[in-house]
Amino acid sequence: MELKISYGEFLPIWNEIFFSKPESENFVGSLNSGIKLALLSNINQLHYEYIREEFSSTIGLFEPDKIIPSFRTGFIKPDKEIYDLALKALDVPRESVVYVDDRLDLIEAALSYGIKSIQFKSAKELKQKFQDLGIIKDAKTSRRKK
C-alpha cells in the first residue's frame, strides 16, 4: 500500500499531537524569576519548530540556552547525558533541581541520577507538590526568595 501526500499535507498531521494546556501554561507563566527553568524534551526538529511557532508565549518563558531538545544533543531521555546537559544549563547544584515529567519511566531515571522528581498529572497537583517542597508559598504561586 502506498500513500502519497505532499509535505504540506503531512506536516499538520504530524503536528496534531500537540495541543494547548492553559492551566499548565498559566502555572509555568506565573512562576517569577526566583527559580531557574529549563525545558528538556525528547523532540524532533519538525515538532520543535512547530511548538516554537504555535506555543511561542509558553516557549518564551524559557531562556533559549535552557531549552534542551533531544535532536540538538544526540541524547534522549532517559540517557544520563541529557539530564547532565540540563543541569549544566541551569548552573545550580543537582540537589536544588526538581525535574517534572509525565512519564514515570523518565521520573525513575532522573531519580536514579540523584535528581528530585515529580510525575506530572495535573497543574493543580503540581502546584501542591511545589508548595509541599517549599518552591512556592501558596496557590498564587509566589516563589520563595533564594
N, C-alpha and C. Protein backbone atom coordinates (compact mmCIF):
# COMPACT_ATOMS: atom_id res chain seq x y z
N MET A 1 0.84 -1.18 0.00
CA MET A 1 0.00 0.00 0.00
C MET A 1 0.89 1.24 0.00
N GLU A 2 0.60 2.12 -0.87
CA GLU A 2 1.39 3.34 -0.98
C GLU A 2 0.49 4.54 -0.72
N LEU A 3 0.97 5.41 0.13
CA LEU A 3 0.23 6.63 0.45
C LEU A 3 1.05 7.80 -0.04
N LYS A 4 0.44 8.60 -0.88
CA LYS A 4 1.15 9.77 -1.39
C LYS A 4 0.46 11.02 -0.89
N ILE A 5 1.20 11.77 -0.10
CA ILE A 5 0.71 13.08 0.34
C ILE A 5 1.87 14.06 0.23
N SER A 6 1.52 15.29 0.06
CA SER A 6 2.56 16.31 -0.04
C SER A 6 3.09 16.64 1.35
N TYR A 7 4.24 17.27 1.37
CA TYR A 7 4.81 17.72 2.64
C TYR A 7 3.84 18.66 3.35
N GLY A 8 3.19 19.54 2.59
CA GLY A 8 2.22 20.47 3.15
C GLY A 8 1.02 19.77 3.77
N GLU A 9 0.65 18.61 3.24
CA GLU A 9 -0.44 17.82 3.82
C GLU A 9 0.05 17.02 5.03
N PHE A 10 1.28 16.55 4.95
CA PHE A 10 1.86 15.74 6.02
C PHE A 10 2.07 16.52 7.31
N LEU A 11 2.62 17.72 7.19
CA LEU A 11 3.05 18.48 8.37
C LEU A 11 1.94 18.72 9.39
N PRO A 12 0.75 19.16 9.02
CA PRO A 12 -0.30 19.36 10.02
C PRO A 12 -0.70 18.05 10.73
N ILE A 13 -0.68 16.95 9.98
CA ILE A 13 -1.00 15.65 10.59
C ILE A 13 0.08 15.28 11.60
N TRP A 14 1.33 15.47 11.21
CA TRP A 14 2.48 15.16 12.07
C TRP A 14 2.44 15.97 13.37
N ASN A 15 1.95 17.19 13.29
CA ASN A 15 1.96 18.09 14.45
C ASN A 15 0.68 18.06 15.29
N GLU A 16 -0.31 17.29 14.88
CA GLU A 16 -1.58 17.36 15.61
C GLU A 16 -1.55 16.71 16.99
N ILE A 17 -0.43 16.13 17.37
CA ILE A 17 -0.32 15.57 18.72
C ILE A 17 -0.20 16.66 19.78
N PHE A 18 0.08 17.89 19.38
CA PHE A 18 0.26 18.98 20.33
C PHE A 18 -1.02 19.78 20.48
N PHE A 19 -1.31 20.13 21.71
CA PHE A 19 -2.49 20.96 21.99
C PHE A 19 -2.20 21.80 23.22
N SER A 20 -2.94 22.86 23.34
CA SER A 20 -2.74 23.80 24.44
C SER A 20 -3.27 23.22 25.75
N LYS A 21 -2.55 23.47 26.83
CA LYS A 21 -2.97 23.12 28.19
C LYS A 21 -2.92 24.40 29.01
N PRO A 22 -3.95 25.24 28.91
CA PRO A 22 -3.92 26.57 29.54
C PRO A 22 -3.58 26.56 31.03
N GLU A 23 -4.11 25.61 31.78
CA GLU A 23 -3.83 25.59 33.22
C GLU A 23 -2.33 25.38 33.48
N SER A 24 -1.73 24.48 32.74
CA SER A 24 -0.29 24.22 32.90
C SER A 24 0.53 25.41 32.42
N GLU A 25 0.14 25.97 31.28
CA GLU A 25 0.85 27.13 30.74
C GLU A 25 0.76 28.32 31.69
N ASN A 26 -0.41 28.52 32.27
CA ASN A 26 -0.58 29.62 33.23
C ASN A 26 0.26 29.41 34.48
N PHE A 27 0.34 28.16 34.94
CA PHE A 27 1.15 27.87 36.12
C PHE A 27 2.62 28.18 35.86
N VAL A 28 3.15 27.68 34.76
CA VAL A 28 4.56 27.95 34.44
C VAL A 28 4.77 29.45 34.27
N GLY A 29 3.83 30.11 33.60
CA GLY A 29 3.94 31.55 33.38
C GLY A 29 3.87 32.36 34.65
N SER A 30 3.22 31.81 35.68
CA SER A 30 3.09 32.55 36.93
C SER A 30 4.34 32.50 37.80
N LEU A 31 5.24 31.60 37.47
CA LEU A 31 6.47 31.48 38.25
C LEU A 31 7.38 32.65 37.90
N ASN A 32 7.80 33.38 38.93
CA ASN A 32 8.65 34.54 38.67
C ASN A 32 10.10 34.14 38.53
N SER A 33 10.97 35.08 38.47
CA SER A 33 12.38 34.81 38.18
C SER A 33 13.18 34.26 39.35
N GLY A 34 12.52 33.90 40.43
CA GLY A 34 13.24 33.37 41.59
C GLY A 34 13.83 32.00 41.39
N ILE A 35 13.33 31.28 40.42
CA ILE A 35 13.80 29.92 40.17
C ILE A 35 14.11 29.78 38.69
N LYS A 36 15.23 29.14 38.40
CA LYS A 36 15.60 28.90 37.00
C LYS A 36 14.76 27.77 36.43
N LEU A 37 14.33 27.95 35.19
CA LEU A 37 13.56 26.93 34.49
C LEU A 37 14.33 26.43 33.29
N ALA A 38 14.21 25.13 33.03
CA ALA A 38 14.78 24.55 31.81
C ALA A 38 13.71 23.67 31.18
N LEU A 39 13.80 23.53 29.89
CA LEU A 39 12.89 22.66 29.15
C LEU A 39 13.72 21.57 28.50
N LEU A 40 13.47 20.35 28.91
CA LEU A 40 14.20 19.18 28.43
C LEU A 40 13.20 18.30 27.70
N SER A 41 13.40 18.07 26.41
CA SER A 41 12.38 17.36 25.64
C SER A 41 12.96 16.39 24.64
N ASN A 42 12.35 15.21 24.58
CA ASN A 42 12.63 14.25 23.51
C ASN A 42 11.78 14.69 22.32
N ILE A 43 12.36 15.46 21.45
CA ILE A 43 11.58 16.05 20.36
C ILE A 43 12.42 16.11 19.09
N ASN A 44 11.75 15.96 17.97
CA ASN A 44 12.45 16.09 16.69
C ASN A 44 12.37 17.54 16.22
N GLN A 45 13.15 17.84 15.21
CA GLN A 45 13.24 19.23 14.75
C GLN A 45 11.92 19.77 14.19
N LEU A 46 11.17 18.96 13.46
CA LEU A 46 9.89 19.42 12.91
C LEU A 46 8.92 19.79 14.02
N HIS A 47 8.81 18.93 15.03
CA HIS A 47 7.92 19.24 16.15
C HIS A 47 8.40 20.47 16.91
N TYR A 48 9.71 20.57 17.08
CA TYR A 48 10.26 21.72 17.80
C TYR A 48 9.93 23.03 17.09
N GLU A 49 10.11 23.07 15.79
CA GLU A 49 9.79 24.28 15.03
C GLU A 49 8.31 24.62 15.15
N TYR A 50 7.47 23.60 15.13
CA TYR A 50 6.03 23.81 15.25
C TYR A 50 5.67 24.41 16.62
N ILE A 51 6.18 23.81 17.70
CA ILE A 51 5.80 24.34 19.02
C ILE A 51 6.41 25.71 19.27
N ARG A 52 7.58 25.97 18.72
CA ARG A 52 8.16 27.32 18.85
C ARG A 52 7.24 28.36 18.24
N GLU A 53 6.59 28.01 17.15
CA GLU A 53 5.69 28.95 16.48
C GLU A 53 4.31 28.98 17.13
N GLU A 54 3.73 27.82 17.34
CA GLU A 54 2.34 27.74 17.83
C GLU A 54 2.22 28.03 19.32
N PHE A 55 3.25 27.77 20.08
CA PHE A 55 3.22 27.97 21.53
C PHE A 55 4.33 28.94 21.95
N SER A 56 4.53 29.97 21.15
CA SER A 56 5.65 30.89 21.37
C SER A 56 5.59 31.57 22.73
N SER A 57 4.39 31.86 23.23
CA SER A 57 4.31 32.52 24.54
C SER A 57 4.78 31.59 25.65
N THR A 58 4.52 30.30 25.51
CA THR A 58 4.98 29.34 26.52
C THR A 58 6.47 29.09 26.37
N ILE A 59 6.93 28.83 25.17
CA ILE A 59 8.36 28.60 24.93
C ILE A 59 9.16 29.83 25.35
N GLY A 60 8.58 31.00 25.17
CA GLY A 60 9.25 32.24 25.54
C GLY A 60 9.51 32.39 27.03
N LEU A 61 8.89 31.54 27.84
CA LEU A 61 9.13 31.58 29.29
C LEU A 61 10.50 31.01 29.65
N PHE A 62 11.10 30.31 28.72
CA PHE A 62 12.39 29.66 28.96
C PHE A 62 13.49 30.42 28.23
N GLU A 63 14.60 30.64 28.91
CA GLU A 63 15.75 31.24 28.25
C GLU A 63 16.22 30.28 27.16
N PRO A 64 16.57 30.80 25.99
CA PRO A 64 16.94 29.92 24.87
C PRO A 64 18.02 28.90 25.21
N ASP A 65 19.00 29.27 26.01
CA ASP A 65 20.07 28.32 26.34
C ASP A 65 19.64 27.29 27.37
N LYS A 66 18.42 27.40 27.86
CA LYS A 66 17.90 26.43 28.82
C LYS A 66 16.79 25.58 28.21
N ILE A 67 16.71 25.61 26.88
CA ILE A 67 15.82 24.72 26.14
C ILE A 67 16.71 23.65 25.53
N ILE A 68 16.51 22.41 25.96
CA ILE A 68 17.38 21.31 25.54
C ILE A 68 16.55 20.27 24.78
N PRO A 69 16.40 20.45 23.47
CA PRO A 69 15.67 19.45 22.68
C PRO A 69 16.62 18.32 22.28
N SER A 70 16.14 17.10 22.36
CA SER A 70 17.00 15.95 22.11
C SER A 70 17.63 15.95 20.72
N PHE A 71 16.93 16.46 19.72
CA PHE A 71 17.50 16.41 18.37
C PHE A 71 18.78 17.23 18.26
N ARG A 72 18.99 18.19 19.16
CA ARG A 72 20.22 19.00 19.12
C ARG A 72 21.36 18.36 19.90
N THR A 73 21.04 17.45 20.80
CA THR A 73 22.06 16.92 21.70
C THR A 73 22.62 15.57 21.29
N GLY A 74 21.84 14.79 20.56
CA GLY A 74 22.25 13.43 20.26
C GLY A 74 21.89 12.46 21.36
N PHE A 75 21.24 12.94 22.41
CA PHE A 75 20.79 12.10 23.52
C PHE A 75 19.29 12.24 23.67
N ILE A 76 18.68 11.21 24.23
CA ILE A 76 17.26 11.29 24.58
C ILE A 76 17.08 10.86 26.02
N LYS A 77 16.04 11.37 26.65
CA LYS A 77 15.69 10.86 27.97
C LYS A 77 15.32 9.40 27.79
N PRO A 78 15.82 8.48 28.55
CA PRO A 78 16.43 8.60 29.86
C PRO A 78 17.95 8.59 29.89
N ASP A 79 18.64 8.91 28.78
CA ASP A 79 20.11 8.96 28.81
C ASP A 79 20.58 9.95 29.87
N LYS A 80 21.50 9.51 30.71
CA LYS A 80 22.02 10.38 31.77
C LYS A 80 22.60 11.67 31.19
N GLU A 81 23.20 11.58 30.03
CA GLU A 81 23.87 12.74 29.43
C GLU A 81 22.92 13.92 29.19
N ILE A 82 21.68 13.64 28.81
CA ILE A 82 20.77 14.75 28.53
C ILE A 82 20.34 15.44 29.82
N TYR A 83 20.21 14.68 30.90
CA TYR A 83 19.92 15.29 32.20
C TYR A 83 21.12 16.13 32.65
N ASP A 84 22.33 15.62 32.40
CA ASP A 84 23.53 16.38 32.76
C ASP A 84 23.61 17.69 31.98
N LEU A 85 23.20 17.68 30.72
CA LEU A 85 23.18 18.92 29.93
C LEU A 85 22.20 19.93 30.53
N ALA A 86 21.06 19.45 31.00
CA ALA A 86 20.09 20.35 31.63
C ALA A 86 20.66 20.93 32.92
N LEU A 87 21.32 20.10 33.71
CA LEU A 87 21.93 20.59 34.96
C LEU A 87 23.01 21.63 34.66
N LYS A 88 23.79 21.37 33.63
CA LYS A 88 24.84 22.33 33.25
C LYS A 88 24.22 23.65 32.80
N ALA A 89 23.14 23.59 32.03
CA ALA A 89 22.48 24.81 31.56
C ALA A 89 21.90 25.60 32.72
N LEU A 90 21.38 24.91 33.71
CA LEU A 90 20.80 25.59 34.88
C LEU A 90 21.88 26.18 35.78
N ASP A 91 23.04 25.54 35.81
CA ASP A 91 24.16 26.01 36.63
C ASP A 91 23.77 26.16 38.10
N VAL A 92 23.12 25.12 38.61
CA VAL A 92 22.74 25.07 40.03
C VAL A 92 23.11 23.69 40.55
N PRO A 93 23.24 23.54 41.87
CA PRO A 93 23.54 22.22 42.41
C PRO A 93 22.42 21.22 42.09
N ARG A 94 22.81 20.01 41.80
CA ARG A 94 21.87 18.93 41.49
C ARG A 94 20.78 18.83 42.56
N GLU A 95 21.16 19.04 43.82
CA GLU A 95 20.21 18.90 44.93
C GLU A 95 19.09 19.94 44.88
N SER A 96 19.31 21.03 44.18
CA SER A 96 18.30 22.09 44.15
C SER A 96 17.35 21.98 42.95
N VAL A 97 17.56 20.97 42.12
CA VAL A 97 16.75 20.80 40.92
C VAL A 97 15.55 19.90 41.21
N VAL A 98 14.42 20.27 40.63
CA VAL A 98 13.23 19.41 40.65
C VAL A 98 12.83 19.18 39.19
N TYR A 99 12.86 17.93 38.80
CA TYR A 99 12.52 17.52 37.43
C TYR A 99 11.06 17.11 37.39
N VAL A 100 10.33 17.59 36.39
CA VAL A 100 8.91 17.27 36.23
C VAL A 100 8.71 16.63 34.86
N ASP A 101 8.03 15.50 34.84
CA ASP A 101 7.73 14.81 33.59
C ASP A 101 6.44 14.03 33.78
N ASP A 102 5.74 13.77 32.70
CA ASP A 102 4.52 12.98 32.81
C ASP A 102 4.79 11.48 32.75
N ARG A 103 5.96 11.09 32.27
CA ARG A 103 6.28 9.68 32.13
C ARG A 103 7.02 9.14 33.35
N LEU A 104 6.45 8.10 33.95
CA LEU A 104 7.03 7.51 35.15
C LEU A 104 8.43 6.95 34.89
N ASP A 105 8.66 6.34 33.74
CA ASP A 105 9.98 5.78 33.47
C ASP A 105 11.06 6.86 33.45
N LEU A 106 10.71 8.06 33.00
CA LEU A 106 11.68 9.15 32.96
C LEU A 106 11.87 9.76 34.34
N ILE A 107 10.82 9.75 35.15
CA ILE A 107 10.93 10.17 36.55
C ILE A 107 11.89 9.23 37.27
N GLU A 108 11.70 7.93 37.08
CA GLU A 108 12.57 6.95 37.73
C GLU A 108 14.02 7.10 37.29
N ALA A 109 14.24 7.40 36.02
CA ALA A 109 15.60 7.61 35.53
C ALA A 109 16.23 8.81 36.22
N ALA A 110 15.51 9.93 36.27
CA ALA A 110 16.04 11.13 36.92
C ALA A 110 16.34 10.86 38.39
N LEU A 111 15.44 10.16 39.06
CA LEU A 111 15.68 9.81 40.47
C LEU A 111 16.95 8.98 40.61
N SER A 112 17.18 8.06 39.68
CA SER A 112 18.38 7.21 39.75
C SER A 112 19.65 8.03 39.55
N TYR A 113 19.53 9.21 38.95
CA TYR A 113 20.67 10.11 38.76
C TYR A 113 20.76 11.13 39.89
N GLY A 114 19.96 10.96 40.94
CA GLY A 114 20.03 11.85 42.09
C GLY A 114 19.29 13.17 41.92
N ILE A 115 18.30 13.20 41.03
CA ILE A 115 17.53 14.42 40.78
C ILE A 115 16.13 14.25 41.37
N LYS A 116 15.73 15.16 42.27
CA LYS A 116 14.36 15.13 42.78
C LYS A 116 13.41 15.22 41.61
N SER A 117 12.32 14.45 41.67
CA SER A 117 11.43 14.39 40.52
C SER A 117 9.97 14.31 40.94
N ILE A 118 9.12 14.87 40.08
CA ILE A 118 7.67 14.85 40.30
C ILE A 118 7.03 14.38 39.01
N GLN A 119 6.14 13.40 39.13
CA GLN A 119 5.38 12.98 37.95
C GLN A 119 4.21 13.93 37.75
N PHE A 120 4.15 14.54 36.57
CA PHE A 120 3.08 15.48 36.26
C PHE A 120 1.80 14.72 35.93
N LYS A 121 0.73 15.10 36.65
CA LYS A 121 -0.59 14.55 36.35
C LYS A 121 -1.57 15.68 36.06
N SER A 122 -1.43 16.78 36.80
CA SER A 122 -2.26 17.96 36.55
C SER A 122 -1.55 19.18 37.11
N ALA A 123 -1.89 20.34 36.59
CA ALA A 123 -1.29 21.58 37.10
C ALA A 123 -1.65 21.79 38.56
N LYS A 124 -2.87 21.45 38.93
CA LYS A 124 -3.30 21.62 40.32
C LYS A 124 -2.44 20.76 41.26
N GLU A 125 -2.22 19.52 40.88
CA GLU A 125 -1.40 18.63 41.71
C GLU A 125 0.05 19.10 41.74
N LEU A 126 0.55 19.59 40.61
CA LEU A 126 1.93 20.08 40.56
C LEU A 126 2.10 21.29 41.48
N LYS A 127 1.13 22.19 41.48
CA LYS A 127 1.18 23.35 42.39
C LYS A 127 1.29 22.88 43.83
N GLN A 128 0.48 21.89 44.19
CA GLN A 128 0.50 21.38 45.56
C GLN A 128 1.86 20.77 45.90
N LYS A 129 2.42 20.01 44.98
CA LYS A 129 3.73 19.39 45.23
C LYS A 129 4.82 20.46 45.34
N PHE A 130 4.73 21.51 44.53
CA PHE A 130 5.68 22.62 44.65
C PHE A 130 5.53 23.29 46.00
N GLN A 131 4.32 23.44 46.48
CA GLN A 131 4.09 24.01 47.82
C GLN A 131 4.70 23.10 48.88
N ASP A 132 4.46 21.80 48.77
CA ASP A 132 4.99 20.84 49.74
C ASP A 132 6.52 20.89 49.81
N LEU A 133 7.16 21.15 48.68
CA LEU A 133 8.62 21.23 48.63
C LEU A 133 9.16 22.62 49.00
N GLY A 134 8.25 23.57 49.21
CA GLY A 134 8.66 24.93 49.55
C GLY A 134 9.12 25.75 48.35
N ILE A 135 8.80 25.30 47.15
CA ILE A 135 9.19 26.03 45.95
C ILE A 135 8.31 27.25 45.77
N ILE A 136 7.03 27.08 46.07
CA ILE A 136 6.09 28.20 46.06
C ILE A 136 5.42 28.25 47.43
N LYS A 137 4.96 29.44 47.79
CA LYS A 137 4.40 29.63 49.12
C LYS A 137 2.92 29.30 49.21
N ASP A 138 2.19 29.58 48.14
CA ASP A 138 0.75 29.36 48.18
C ASP A 138 0.22 29.11 46.78
N ALA A 139 -1.06 28.92 46.68
CA ALA A 139 -1.68 28.60 45.39
C ALA A 139 -1.53 29.73 44.38
N LYS A 140 -1.18 30.93 44.85
CA LYS A 140 -0.97 32.05 43.93
C LYS A 140 0.39 31.96 43.25
N THR A 141 1.16 30.94 43.59
CA THR A 141 2.47 30.64 43.00
C THR A 141 3.53 31.70 43.23
N SER A 142 3.46 32.38 44.36
CA SER A 142 4.58 33.28 44.66
C SER A 142 5.76 32.41 45.07
N ARG A 143 6.92 32.73 44.58
CA ARG A 143 8.10 31.91 44.86
C ARG A 143 8.82 32.41 46.10
N ARG A 144 9.50 31.46 46.71
CA ARG A 144 10.34 31.83 47.85
C ARG A 144 11.58 32.54 47.35
N LYS A 145 12.15 33.34 48.20
CA LYS A 145 13.40 34.03 47.86
C LYS A 145 14.56 33.08 48.07
N LYS A 146 15.55 33.20 47.23
CA LYS A 146 16.75 32.34 47.38
C LYS A 146 17.80 33.07 48.14
